[in-house]
Amino acid sequence: MRLLVVEDDRRLAATLRRGLGREGFGVDLVGDGEEALTAVRTAPFDLILLDVMLPGATDGFGVCHELRDRGVRVPVLMLTARDNVEDRVRGLDAGADDYLVKPFDFSELLARIRALTRRHHEHRTVVMRAGPLAFDTVARRVSVHGAPVSLTLKELAILEYFLRHPGALLSATQIQEHVWNYDFESESNLVEVYMARLRRRLAEAGLPDPWVTVRGGGGYRFEPQRLAGSSPVARGRG
């Protein structure tokens, strides 16, 4: 999942990028309203963390108004030191989906991010399922036939992206844009490497391969029907 953090406080922005990165998010940072509007025009984001007090002519309220006027429906979580009711109402009226007052606890920020992304996706449940595969989006845990599967944060992020887009053909570029950030090397084969690892880990857990690979740069398609009727693999004892 790819987030845009719009924050002119460099220390806070860096802290958010580190913390969110450790949770498996791809994070891009910008420091003012005009940079934010440009970033949204040039890249897809799953959620925007938007500070209200920004340098320049366009503050957070203005950014949110402009995004909604353009028809951009990406969830916006406003961050601000202002805690009066009037400012909260103004932010929500500008089109923000939620409002978090600084200083805030990082665990609350994560909970609000999870709630907003669930609200804006077709799959709003905490646990997403495809056959015997289950993904707990809060605990960030995956299981196959009830048995836990150990995945890295990036593998979890890729799997969640596919679970939210079943049947869709997703290119390597789309995957990298949602899982990594601007620092990602576009010529890298990292997506292919991670897809191979993810397939292998799930196969080791007894899951049939749910992906179809479309050659020639087409990408990958997650097909849940491939998992229908899958039964646990009997494992002998050595």
C-alpha atoms as a PDB file:
ATOM      1  CA  MET A   1       0.000   0.000   0.000  1.00  0.00           C
ATOM      2  CA  ARG A   2       1.398   3.379  -1.016  1.00  0.00           C
ATOM      3  CA  LEU A   3       0.925   6.483   1.136  1.00  0.00           C
ATOM      4  CA  LEU A   4       1.617  10.150   0.456  1.00  0.00           C
ATOM      5  CA  VAL A   5       2.735  12.109   3.532  1.00  0.00           C
ATOM      6  CA  VAL A   6       2.342  15.885   3.147  1.00  0.00           C
ATOM      7  CA  GLU A   7       4.266  17.388   6.058  1.00  0.00           C
ATOM      8  CA  ASP A   8       6.688  20.334   6.181  1.00  0.00           C
ATOM      9  CA  ASP A   9       8.184  19.343   9.555  1.00  0.00           C
ATOM     10  CA  ARG A  10      11.121  17.310   8.287  1.00  0.00           C
ATOM     11  CA  ARG A  11      11.722  15.528  11.582  1.00  0.00           C
ATOM     12  CA  LEU A  12       8.108  14.394  11.880  1.00  0.00           C
ATOM     13  CA  ALA A  13       7.992  13.466   8.188  1.00  0.00           C
ATOM     14  CA  ALA A  14      11.115  11.312   8.542  1.00  0.00           C
ATOM     15  CA  THR A  15       9.705   9.680  11.667  1.00  0.00           C
ATOM     16  CA  LEU A  16       6.452   8.866   9.889  1.00  0.00           C
ATOM     17  CA  ARG A  17       8.312   7.453   6.903  1.00  0.00           C
ATOM     18  CA  ARG A  18      10.426   5.167   9.108  1.00  0.00           C
ATOM     19  CA  GLY A  19       7.488   3.995  11.201  1.00  0.00           C
ATOM     20  CA  LEU A  20       5.144   3.409   8.295  1.00  0.00           C
ATOM     21  CA  GLY A  21       7.920   1.757   6.318  1.00  0.00           C
ATOM     22  CA  ARG A  22       8.437  -0.725   9.159  1.00  0.00           C
ATOM     23  CA  GLU A  23       4.731  -1.572   8.862  1.00  0.00           C
ATOM     24  CA  GLY A  24       5.171  -2.437   5.189  1.00  0.00           C
ATOM     25  CA  PHE A  25       3.846   0.749   3.586  1.00  0.00           C
ATOM     26  CA  GLY A  26       5.481   2.472   0.645  1.00  0.00           C
ATOM     27  CA  VAL A  27       5.794   6.134   1.668  1.00  0.00           C
ATOM     28  CA  ASP A  28       6.437   9.269  -0.413  1.00  0.00           C
ATOM     29  CA  LEU A  29       7.127  12.598   1.273  1.00  0.00           C
ATOM     30  CA  VAL A  30       6.353  16.126   0.076  1.00  0.00           C
ATOM     31  CA  GLY A  31       6.613  19.377   2.012  1.00  0.00           C
ATOM     32  CA  ASP A  32       3.981  21.742   0.634  1.00  0.00           C
ATOM     33  CA  GLY A  33       0.585  21.891  -1.014  1.00  0.00           C
ATOM     34  CA  GLU A  34       1.731  22.376  -4.593  1.00  0.00           C
ATOM     35  CA  GLU A  35       4.105  19.396  -4.348  1.00  0.00           C
ATOM     36  CA  ALA A  36       1.219  17.346  -2.972  1.00  0.00           C
ATOM     37  CA  LEU A  37      -1.062  18.202  -5.893  1.00  0.00           C
ATOM     38  CA  THR A  38       1.721  17.405  -8.366  1.00  0.00           C
ATOM     39  CA  ALA A  39       2.448  14.071  -6.673  1.00  0.00           C
ATOM     40  CA  VAL A  40      -1.198  13.005  -6.856  1.00  0.00           C
ATOM     41  CA  ARG A  41      -1.293  13.888 -10.557  1.00  0.00           C
ATOM     42  CA  THR A  42       1.748  11.747 -11.326  1.00  0.00           C
ATOM     43  CA  ALA A  43       1.367   8.656  -9.110  1.00  0.00           C
ATOM     44  CA  PRO A  44      -1.388   6.509  -7.587  1.00  0.00           C
ATOM     45  CA  PHE A  45      -1.773   6.556  -3.799  1.00  0.00           C
ATOM     46  CA  ASP A  46      -3.960   4.511  -1.489  1.00  0.00           C
ATOM     47  CA  LEU A  47      -4.145   7.165   1.230  1.00  0.00           C
ATOM     48  CA  ILE A  48      -2.894  10.709   1.911  1.00  0.00           C
ATOM     49  CA  LEU A  49      -1.689  11.956   5.312  1.00  0.00           C
ATOM     50  CA  LEU A  50      -2.160  15.711   4.996  1.00  0.00           C
ATOM     51  CA  ASP A  51      -0.859  18.353   7.399  1.00  0.00           C
ATOM     52  CA  VAL A  52      -3.090  21.427   7.663  1.00  0.00           C
ATOM     53  CA  MET A  53      -0.395  24.060   8.212  1.00  0.00           C
ATOM     54  CA  LEU A  54       1.759  24.036   5.086  1.00  0.00           C
ATOM     55  CA  PRO A  55       4.129  26.669   3.653  1.00  0.00           C
ATOM     56  CA  GLY A  56       3.183  28.531   0.488  1.00  0.00           C
ATOM     57  CA  ALA A  57      -0.141  29.631  -0.896  1.00  0.00           C
ATOM     58  CA  THR A  58      -1.957  26.294  -0.544  1.00  0.00           C
ATOM     59  CA  ASP A  59      -2.597  24.890   2.931  1.00  0.00           C
ATOM     60  CA  GLY A  60      -4.020  21.473   3.750  1.00  0.00           C
ATOM     61  CA  PHE A  61      -7.614  22.675   3.443  1.00  0.00           C
ATOM     62  CA  GLY A  62      -6.835  24.031  -0.027  1.00  0.00           C
ATOM     63  CA  VAL A  63      -5.155  20.800  -1.096  1.00  0.00           C
ATOM     64  CA  CYS A  64      -8.137  18.753   0.018  1.00  0.00           C
ATOM     65  CA  HIS A  65     -10.608  21.078  -1.724  1.00  0.00           C
ATOM     66  CA  GLU A  66      -8.592  20.895  -4.949  1.00  0.00           C
ATOM     67  CA  LEU A  67      -8.348  17.099  -4.864  1.00  0.00           C
ATOM     68  CA  ARG A  68     -12.073  16.683  -4.369  1.00  0.00           C
ATOM     69  CA  ASP A  69     -12.835  19.247  -7.080  1.00  0.00           C
ATOM     70  CA  ARG A  70     -10.709  17.155  -9.454  1.00  0.00           C
ATOM     71  CA  GLY A  71     -12.689  14.057  -8.557  1.00  0.00           C
ATOM     72  CA  VAL A  72      -9.809  12.440  -6.642  1.00  0.00           C
ATOM     73  CA  ARG A  73     -11.357  10.049  -4.127  1.00  0.00           C
ATOM     74  CA  VAL A  74      -8.230   8.846  -2.353  1.00  0.00           C
ATOM     75  CA  PRO A  75      -8.855   8.780   1.436  1.00  0.00           C
ATOM     76  CA  VAL A  76      -7.398  11.838   3.195  1.00  0.00           C
ATOM     77  CA  LEU A  77      -6.402  11.806   6.865  1.00  0.00           C
ATOM     78  CA  MET A  78      -5.652  15.334   8.076  1.00  0.00           C
ATOM     79  CA  LEU A  79      -2.923  15.878  10.667  1.00  0.00           C
ATOM     80  CA  THR A  80      -2.875  19.101  12.661  1.00  0.00           C
ATOM     81  CA  ALA A  81      -1.936  20.732  15.949  1.00  0.00           C
ATOM     82  CA  ARG A  82      -5.270  22.570  15.901  1.00  0.00           C
ATOM     83  CA  ASP A  83      -7.764  20.836  18.151  1.00  0.00           C
ATOM     84  CA  ASN A  84     -10.747  23.191  18.118  1.00  0.00           C
ATOM     85  CA  VAL A  85     -14.065  22.020  16.721  1.00  0.00           C
ATOM     86  CA  GLU A  86     -14.234  24.747  14.068  1.00  0.00           C
ATOM     87  CA  ASP A  87     -11.004  23.575  12.397  1.00  0.00           C
ATOM     88  CA  ARG A  88     -12.071  19.928  12.522  1.00  0.00           C
ATOM     89  CA  VAL A  89     -15.369  20.830  10.869  1.00  0.00           C
ATOM     90  CA  ARG A  90     -13.552  22.882   8.240  1.00  0.00           C
ATOM     91  CA  GLY A  91     -11.255  19.951   7.424  1.00  0.00           C
ATOM     92  CA  LEU A  92     -14.120  17.500   7.081  1.00  0.00           C
ATOM     93  CA  ASP A  93     -16.117  19.965   4.987  1.00  0.00           C
ATOM     94  CA  ALA A  94     -13.083  20.339   2.707  1.00  0.00           C
ATOM     95  CA  GLY A  95     -13.402  16.645   1.914  1.00  0.00           C
ATOM     96  CA  ALA A  96     -11.139  14.982   4.467  1.00  0.00           C
ATOM     97  CA  ASP A  97     -12.190  11.524   5.626  1.00  0.00           C
ATOM     98  CA  ASP A  98     -10.721  11.760   9.116  1.00  0.00           C
ATOM     99  CA  TYR A  99      -8.864  14.184  11.367  1.00  0.00           C
ATOM    100  CA  LEU A 100      -6.049  13.408  13.828  1.00  0.00           C
ATOM    101  CA  VAL A 101      -4.705  15.993  16.271  1.00  0.00           C
ATOM    102  CA  LYS A 102      -0.975  16.248  16.993  1.00  0.00           C
ATOM    103  CA  PRO A 103       0.700  14.923  19.027  1.00  0.00           C
ATOM    104  CA  PHE A 104      -0.799  11.505  18.366  1.00  0.00           C
ATOM    105  CA  ASP A 105       0.087   7.942  19.258  1.00  0.00           C
ATOM    106  CA  PHE A 106       1.499   5.988  16.326  1.00  0.00           C
ATOM    107  CA  SER A 107      -0.742   3.008  17.092  1.00  0.00           C
ATOM    108  CA  GLU A 108      -3.811   5.254  16.727  1.00  0.00           C
ATOM    109  CA  LEU A 109      -2.500   6.538  13.405  1.00  0.00           C
ATOM    110  CA  LEU A 110      -2.129   2.966  12.150  1.00  0.00           C
ATOM    111  CA  ALA A 111      -5.636   2.079  13.333  1.00  0.00           C
ATOM    112  CA  ARG A 112      -7.115   5.072  11.504  1.00  0.00           C
ATOM    113  CA  ILE A 113      -5.197   4.210   8.329  1.00  0.00           C
ATOM    114  CA  ARG A 114      -6.530   0.647   8.460  1.00  0.00           C
ATOM    115  CA  ALA A 115     -10.088   1.857   9.059  1.00  0.00           C
ATOM    116  CA  LEU A 116      -9.959   4.337   6.182  1.00  0.00           C
ATOM    117  CA  THR A 117      -8.535   1.844   3.702  1.00  0.00           C
ATOM    118  CA  ARG A 118     -11.172  -0.732   4.666  1.00  0.00           C
ATOM    119  CA  ARG A 119     -13.889   1.890   4.240  1.00  0.00           C
ATOM    120  CA  HIS A 120     -12.736   2.735   0.719  1.00  0.00           C
ATOM    121  CA  HIS A 121     -12.326  -0.819  -0.526  1.00  0.00           C
ATOM    122  CA  GLU A 122     -14.911  -3.363  -1.547  1.00  0.00           C
ATOM    123  CA  HIS A 123     -13.470  -5.764   1.033  1.00  0.00           C
ATOM    124  CA  ARG A 124     -14.240  -4.010   4.321  1.00  0.00           C
ATOM    125  CA  THR A 125     -13.766  -6.943   6.661  1.00  0.00           C
ATOM    126  CA  VAL A 126     -10.703  -7.255   8.864  1.00  0.00           C
ATOM    127  CA  VAL A 127      -9.966 -10.746   7.521  1.00  0.00           C
ATOM    128  CA  MET A 128      -9.854 -11.234   3.742  1.00  0.00           C
ATOM    129  CA  ARG A 129     -10.260 -14.778   2.441  1.00  0.00           C
ATOM    130  CA  ALA A 130      -9.684 -16.699  -0.757  1.00  0.00           C
ATOM    131  CA  GLY A 131     -10.378 -20.400  -0.344  1.00  0.00           C
ATOM    132  CA  PRO A 132      -8.205 -21.684   2.524  1.00  0.00           C
ATOM    133  CA  LEU A 133      -6.090 -18.510   2.448  1.00  0.00           C
ATOM    134  CA  ALA A 134      -6.873 -15.948   5.173  1.00  0.00           C
ATOM    135  CA  PHE A 135      -5.257 -12.541   5.654  1.00  0.00           C
ATOM    136  CA  ASP A 136      -5.830 -10.680   8.933  1.00  0.00           C
ATOM    137  CA  THR A 137      -5.271  -7.055   7.896  1.00  0.00           C
ATOM    138  CA  VAL A 138      -5.012  -5.787  11.491  1.00  0.00           C
ATOM    139  CA  ALA A 139      -2.637  -8.381  12.906  1.00  0.00           C
ATOM    140  CA  ARG A 140      -0.851  -8.590   9.521  1.00  0.00           C
ATOM    141  CA  ARG A 141      -0.960 -12.383   9.631  1.00  0.00           C
ATOM    142  CA  VAL A 142      -1.599 -14.932   6.905  1.00  0.00           C
ATOM    143  CA  SER A 143      -2.760 -18.505   7.313  1.00  0.00           C
ATOM    144  CA  VAL A 144      -3.481 -21.417   4.989  1.00  0.00           C
ATOM    145  CA  HIS A 145      -5.974 -24.001   6.260  1.00  0.00           C
ATOM    146  CA  GLY A 146      -5.622 -22.308   9.653  1.00  0.00           C
ATOM    147  CA  ALA A 147      -1.854 -22.789   9.820  1.00  0.00           C
ATOM    148  CA  PRO A 148       0.225 -19.571  10.028  1.00  0.00           C
ATOM    149  CA  VAL A 149       2.479 -18.631   7.122  1.00  0.00           C
ATOM    150  CA  SER A 150       5.516 -16.449   7.770  1.00  0.00           C
ATOM    151  CA  LEU A 151       5.782 -13.608   5.232  1.00  0.00           C
ATOM    152  CA  THR A 152       7.901 -10.467   5.095  1.00  0.00           C
ATOM    153  CA  LEU A 153       6.235  -7.050   5.211  1.00  0.00           C
ATOM    154  CA  LYS A 154       6.683  -6.539   1.478  1.00  0.00           C
ATOM    155  CA  GLU A 155       5.275  -9.993   0.728  1.00  0.00           C
ATOM    156  CA  LEU A 156       2.283  -9.149   2.920  1.00  0.00           C
ATOM    157  CA  ALA A 157       1.801  -5.857   1.086  1.00  0.00           C
ATOM    158  CA  ILE A 158       1.885  -7.557  -2.317  1.00  0.00           C
ATOM    159  CA  LEU A 159      -0.533 -10.264  -1.243  1.00  0.00           C
ATOM    160  CA  GLU A 160      -2.959  -7.709   0.208  1.00  0.00           C
ATOM    161  CA  TYR A 161      -2.853  -5.711  -3.041  1.00  0.00           C
ATOM    162  CA  PHE A 162      -3.873  -8.800  -5.030  1.00  0.00           C
ATOM    163  CA  LEU A 163      -6.561  -9.805  -2.528  1.00  0.00           C
ATOM    164  CA  ARG A 164      -8.107  -6.352  -2.906  1.00  0.00           C
ATOM    165  CA  HIS A 165      -8.065  -6.705  -6.717  1.00  0.00           C
ATOM    166  CA  PRO A 166      -9.095 -10.309  -7.468  1.00  0.00           C
ATOM    167  CA  GLY A 167      -9.172 -11.148 -11.162  1.00  0.00           C
ATOM    168  CA  ALA A 168      -7.413  -7.924 -12.184  1.00  0.00           C
ATOM    169  CA  LEU A 169      -4.265  -8.024 -14.289  1.00  0.00           C
ATOM    170  CA  LEU A 170      -1.643  -6.109 -12.299  1.00  0.00           C
ATOM    171  CA  SER A 171       1.614  -5.153 -13.967  1.00  0.00           C
ATOM    172  CA  ALA A 172       5.001  -5.052 -12.246  1.00  0.00           C
ATOM    173  CA  THR A 173       4.814  -1.261 -12.483  1.00  0.00           C
ATOM    174  CA  GLN A 174       1.459  -1.157 -10.695  1.00  0.00           C
ATOM    175  CA  ILE A 175       2.757  -3.441  -7.967  1.00  0.00           C
ATOM    176  CA  GLN A 176       5.913  -1.415  -7.427  1.00  0.00           C
ATOM    177  CA  GLU A 177       3.939   1.838  -7.308  1.00  0.00           C
ATOM    178  CA  HIS A 178       1.660   0.522  -4.561  1.00  0.00           C
ATOM    179  CA  VAL A 179       4.220  -1.345  -2.483  1.00  0.00           C
ATOM    180  CA  TRP A 180       7.385   0.731  -2.847  1.00  0.00           C
ATOM    181  CA  ASN A 181       7.934   4.482  -3.286  1.00  0.00           C
ATOM    182  CA  TYR A 182       9.735   6.984  -5.499  1.00  0.00           C
ATOM    183  CA  ASP A 183      13.104   5.515  -4.502  1.00  0.00           C
ATOM    184  CA  PHE A 184      12.257   2.253  -6.229  1.00  0.00           C
ATOM    185  CA  GLU A 185      14.513   1.388  -9.158  1.00  0.00           C
ATOM    186  CA  SER A 186      12.094   1.016 -12.068  1.00  0.00           C
ATOM    187  CA  GLU A 187      14.509  -1.183 -14.013  1.00  0.00           C
ATOM    188  CA  SER A 188      14.869  -3.612 -11.113  1.00  0.00           C
ATOM    189  CA  ASN A 189      13.422  -7.138 -11.227  1.00  0.00           C
ATOM    190  CA  LEU A 190      12.554  -6.903  -7.524  1.00  0.00           C
ATOM    191  CA  VAL A 191       8.838  -7.422  -8.173  1.00  0.00           C
ATOM    192  CA  GLU A 192       9.541 -10.679 -10.009  1.00  0.00           C
ATOM    193  CA  VAL A 193      11.817 -11.809  -7.187  1.00  0.00           C
ATOM    194  CA  TYR A 194       9.196 -11.075  -4.538  1.00  0.00           C
ATOM    195  CA  MET A 195       6.439 -12.739  -6.552  1.00  0.00           C
ATOM    196  CA  ALA A 196       8.541 -15.897  -6.860  1.00  0.00           C
ATOM    197  CA  ARG A 197       9.230 -15.887  -3.117  1.00  0.00           C
ATOM    198  CA  LEU A 198       5.573 -15.301  -2.268  1.00  0.00           C
ATOM    199  CA  ARG A 199       4.457 -18.137  -4.512  1.00  0.00           C
ATOM    200  CA  ARG A 200       7.055 -20.450  -3.005  1.00  0.00           C
ATOM    201  CA  ARG A 201       6.104 -19.640   0.594  1.00  0.00           C
ATOM    202  CA  LEU A 202       2.416 -20.249  -0.056  1.00  0.00           C
ATOM    203  CA  ALA A 203       3.140 -23.444  -1.999  1.00  0.00           C
ATOM    204  CA  GLU A 204       5.189 -24.714   0.946  1.00  0.00           C
ATOM    205  CA  ALA A 205       2.097 -24.122   3.102  1.00  0.00           C
ATOM    206  CA  GLY A 206       0.069 -26.351   0.766  1.00  0.00           C
ATOM    207  CA  LEU A 207      -1.665 -23.666  -1.297  1.00  0.00           C
ATOM    208  CA  PRO A 208      -2.144 -24.181  -5.052  1.00  0.00           C
ATOM    209  CA  ASP A 209      -0.694 -21.346  -7.125  1.00  0.00           C
ATOM    210  CA  PRO A 210      -3.500 -18.734  -7.426  1.00  0.00           C
ATOM    211  CA  TRP A 211      -1.639 -16.527  -9.901  1.00  0.00           C
ATOM    212  CA  VAL A 212      -1.591 -16.515 -13.685  1.00  0.00           C
ATOM    213  CA  THR A 213       1.502 -14.912 -15.182  1.00  0.00           C
ATOM    214  CA  VAL A 214       0.955 -12.983 -18.398  1.00  0.00           C
ATOM    215  CA  ARG A 215       4.252 -12.921 -20.269  1.00  0.00           C
ATOM    216  CA  GLY A 216       5.703 -10.061 -22.247  1.00  0.00           C
ATOM    217  CA  GLY A 217       5.320  -7.500 -19.462  1.00  0.00           C
ATOM    218  CA  GLY A 218       1.628  -8.174 -18.943  1.00  0.00           C
ATOM    219  CA  GLY A 219       1.849  -8.883 -15.244  1.00  0.00           C
ATOM    220  CA  TYR A 220       0.021 -11.171 -12.839  1.00  0.00           C
ATOM    221  CA  ARG A 221      -3.623 -12.063 -12.221  1.00  0.00           C
ATOM    222  CA  PHE A 222      -4.827 -13.405  -8.854  1.00  0.00           C
ATOM    223  CA  GLU A 223      -7.637 -15.936  -9.477  1.00  0.00           C
ATOM    224  CA  PRO A 224      -9.383 -16.990  -6.228  1.00  0.00           C
ATOM    225  CA  GLN A 225     -11.294 -19.757  -8.033  1.00  0.00           C
ATOM    226  CA  ARG A 226      -8.016 -21.669  -8.345  1.00  0.00           C
ATOM    227  CA  LEU A 227      -8.162 -22.157  -4.569  1.00  0.00           C
ATOM    228  CA  ALA A 228     -11.696 -23.513  -4.452  1.00  0.00           C
ATOM    229  CA  GLY A 229     -11.852 -27.015  -3.039  1.00  0.00           C
ATOM    230  CA  SER A 230      -8.221 -26.954  -1.965  1.00  0.00           C
ATOM    231  CA  SER A 231      -7.565 -29.363   0.900  1.00  0.00           C
ATOM    232  CA  PRO A 232      -4.722 -29.528   3.426  1.00  0.00           C
ATOM    233  CA  VAL A 233      -1.611 -31.335   2.306  1.00  0.00           C
ATOM    234  CA  ALA A 234      -0.806 -34.359   4.407  1.00  0.00           C
ATOM    235  CA  ARG A 235       2.739 -34.054   5.729  1.00  0.00           C
ATOM    236  CA  GLY A 236       4.593 -37.154   6.705  1.00  0.00           C
ATOM    237  CA  ARG A 237       7.039 -37.323   9.593  1.00  0.00           C
ATOM    238  CA  GLY A 238      10.685 -37.806   8.891  1.00  0.00           C
END
